[in-house]
Amino acid sequence: MTPQITDQIETLIQVTSRLIGVMNSEVEMLRAMRVGDIESLQREKHDLTILYEENVRALAAQPEALEAMEPALRHELSQLAQRFDIALAENARALHAVKESHDRLLKAIVDAVADNRARERAYTPNGGLDKPRRRSNADTMSLSLDRRL
């Protein structure tokens, strides 16, 4: 195996290990509901993902080099790939759970505001409260949503 291939494999191992660490940190932050802290990881995660894809593509284009890989290095790469798959699945589950939770909370808020507005009461000419009035479908409510995590 050439030194260049060895360097590419070692780079892939380093990048993948760091990407696993970043995804695990992100999952911990999501579980602790520290969503605001995740922003600091996003640039690194993005950059590592691009490096990971580039390295995988470069190595996949050289199947003969992969065949000549030393058994110990092949085993290390295989173990790392399994860890990566697990971290990726856990990261996706955590992101999905937070998104679902966020969507449910947002829906509850929108429903509560709509319900409250539907039961609005007005003052009568003599200063008392009128019976609750229902809003028509023509009445609108303005709402702005930020869908980013």
Protein backbone atom coordinates (compact mmCIF):
# COMPACT_ATOMS: atom_id res chain seq x y z
CA MET A 1 0.00 0.00 0.00
CA THR A 2 1.40 3.39 -0.96
CA PRO A 3 2.15 6.10 1.61
CA GLN A 4 -0.43 8.31 -0.10
CA ILE A 5 -3.20 5.73 0.42
CA THR A 6 -2.09 5.23 4.02
CA ASP A 7 -2.28 9.00 4.57
CA GLN A 8 -5.76 9.13 3.00
CA ILE A 9 -6.99 6.31 5.24
CA GLU A 10 -5.49 7.91 8.34
CA THR A 11 -7.11 11.23 7.38
CA LEU A 12 -10.45 9.46 6.95
CA ILE A 13 -10.04 7.85 10.38
CA GLN A 14 -9.27 11.22 11.99
CA VAL A 15 -12.12 13.04 10.24
CA THR A 16 -14.62 10.27 11.01
CA SER A 17 -13.57 10.11 14.66
CA ARG A 18 -13.96 13.86 15.05
CA LEU A 19 -17.32 13.82 13.24
CA ILE A 20 -18.55 11.09 15.59
CA GLY A 21 -17.45 13.24 18.54
CA VAL A 22 -19.29 16.29 17.20
CA MET A 23 -22.48 14.30 16.57
CA ASN A 24 -22.31 12.79 20.07
CA SER A 25 -21.85 16.27 21.56
CA GLU A 26 -24.84 17.49 19.59
CA VAL A 27 -26.98 14.61 20.90
CA GLU A 28 -25.94 15.43 24.48
CA MET A 29 -26.88 19.08 23.96
CA LEU A 30 -30.24 18.10 22.46
CA ARG A 31 -31.01 15.78 25.35
CA ALA A 32 -30.10 18.54 27.82
CA MET A 33 -32.32 20.91 25.78
CA ARG A 34 -29.34 23.22 25.19
CA VAL A 35 -30.42 23.83 21.61
CA GLY A 36 -28.80 27.28 21.56
CA ASP A 37 -25.39 25.74 22.22
CA ILE A 38 -25.60 23.59 19.10
CA GLU A 39 -24.92 26.52 16.82
CA SER A 40 -21.27 26.46 17.86
CA LEU A 41 -20.98 22.90 16.46
CA GLN A 42 -22.71 23.51 13.15
CA ARG A 43 -19.74 24.95 11.23
CA GLU A 44 -17.44 22.17 12.41
CA LYS A 45 -20.04 19.50 11.64
CA HIS A 46 -20.57 20.93 8.16
CA ASP A 47 -16.84 21.11 7.42
CA LEU A 48 -16.20 17.61 8.76
CA THR A 49 -19.08 16.20 6.73
CA ILE A 50 -17.61 17.65 3.54
CA LEU A 51 -14.16 16.27 4.40
CA TYR A 52 -15.67 12.88 5.20
CA GLU A 53 -17.50 12.72 1.87
CA GLU A 54 -14.40 13.81 -0.06
CA ASN A 55 -12.21 11.20 1.65
CA VAL A 56 -14.71 8.39 1.15
CA ARG A 57 -15.09 9.29 -2.54
CA ALA A 58 -11.31 9.44 -3.03
CA LEU A 59 -10.78 6.04 -1.43
CA ALA A 60 -13.74 4.45 -3.21
CA ALA A 61 -12.17 5.52 -6.52
CA GLN A 62 -9.15 3.35 -5.68
CA PRO A 63 -10.56 -0.12 -4.96
CA GLU A 64 -7.18 -1.78 -5.55
CA ALA A 65 -5.69 0.26 -2.72
CA LEU A 66 -8.45 -0.82 -0.37
CA GLU A 67 -7.83 -4.44 -1.28
CA ALA A 68 -4.16 -4.05 -0.36
CA MET A 69 -4.99 -2.53 3.03
CA GLU A 70 -3.35 -4.14 6.03
CA PRO A 71 -5.77 -6.31 8.06
CA ALA A 72 -5.30 -4.26 11.24
CA LEU A 73 -6.09 -1.01 9.41
CA ARG A 74 -9.04 -2.63 7.63
CA HIS A 75 -10.38 -3.79 11.03
CA GLU A 76 -9.94 -0.30 12.52
CA LEU A 77 -11.75 1.26 9.57
CA SER A 78 -14.55 -1.31 9.83
CA GLN A 79 -15.01 -0.66 13.56
CA LEU A 80 -15.00 3.08 12.94
CA ALA A 81 -17.64 2.71 10.21
CA GLN A 82 -19.90 0.86 12.66
CA ARG A 83 -19.41 3.58 15.30
CA PHE A 84 -20.15 6.20 12.66
CA ASP A 85 -23.39 4.48 11.63
CA ILE A 86 -24.52 4.27 15.26
CA ALA A 87 -23.64 7.92 15.96
CA LEU A 88 -25.36 9.04 12.76
CA ALA A 89 -28.57 7.14 13.60
CA GLU A 90 -28.58 8.47 17.17
CA ASN A 91 -27.98 12.01 15.94
CA ALA A 92 -30.86 11.73 13.46
CA ARG A 93 -33.19 10.35 16.16
CA ALA A 94 -32.31 13.15 18.58
CA LEU A 95 -32.78 15.86 15.94
CA HIS A 96 -36.12 14.34 14.91
CA ALA A 97 -37.30 14.13 18.54
CA VAL A 98 -36.46 17.78 19.20
CA LYS A 99 -38.16 18.85 15.98
CA GLU A 100 -41.30 16.87 16.87
CA SER A 101 -41.30 18.30 20.39
CA HIS A 102 -40.85 21.81 19.02
CA ASP A 103 -43.68 21.30 16.52
CA ARG A 104 -46.05 19.98 19.24
CA LEU A 105 -45.26 22.94 21.52
CA LEU A 106 -45.76 25.38 18.68
CA LYS A 107 -49.09 23.77 17.75
CA ALA A 108 -50.25 23.96 21.38
CA ILE A 109 -49.38 27.66 21.50
CA VAL A 110 -51.13 28.39 18.21
CA ASP A 111 -54.21 26.42 19.34
CA ALA A 112 -54.30 28.25 22.69
CA VAL A 113 -54.04 31.66 21.03
CA ALA A 114 -56.70 30.72 18.49
CA ASP A 115 -58.99 29.42 21.24
CA ASN A 116 -58.47 32.56 23.32
CA ARG A 117 -59.15 34.81 20.36
CA ALA A 118 -62.26 32.78 19.50
CA ARG A 119 -63.73 33.56 22.92
CA GLU A 120 -63.00 37.28 22.82
CA ARG A 121 -65.44 39.49 24.65
CA ALA A 122 -66.28 43.06 23.82
CA TYR A 123 -67.57 45.90 25.98
CA THR A 124 -71.22 46.89 25.68
CA PRO A 125 -72.27 50.53 25.28
CA ASN A 126 -72.99 50.70 29.04
CA GLY A 127 -69.48 49.44 29.97
CA GLY A 128 -70.31 45.82 30.76
CA LEU A 129 -68.89 42.75 29.07
CA ASP A 130 -70.78 41.38 26.14
CA LYS A 131 -71.37 37.67 25.65
CA PRO A 132 -68.39 35.84 24.20
CA ARG A 133 -68.36 36.21 20.47
CA ARG A 134 -67.00 33.72 17.99
CA ARG A 135 -64.62 34.98 15.38
CA SER A 136 -65.47 34.22 11.80
CA ASN A 137 -63.19 32.41 9.38
CA ALA A 138 -62.51 35.81 7.82
CA ASP A 139 -60.67 36.95 10.97
CA THR A 140 -56.98 36.33 10.71
CA MET A 141 -54.14 35.86 13.09
CA SER A 142 -50.59 36.85 12.20
CA LEU A 143 -47.86 34.43 13.23
CA SER A 144 -44.18 34.09 12.37
CA LEU A 145 -42.31 30.79 12.81
CA ASP A 146 -38.59 30.10 12.98
CA ARG A 147 -38.15 26.47 11.84
CA ARG A 148 -34.39 26.31 12.47
CA LEU A 149 -32.99 24.14 15.25
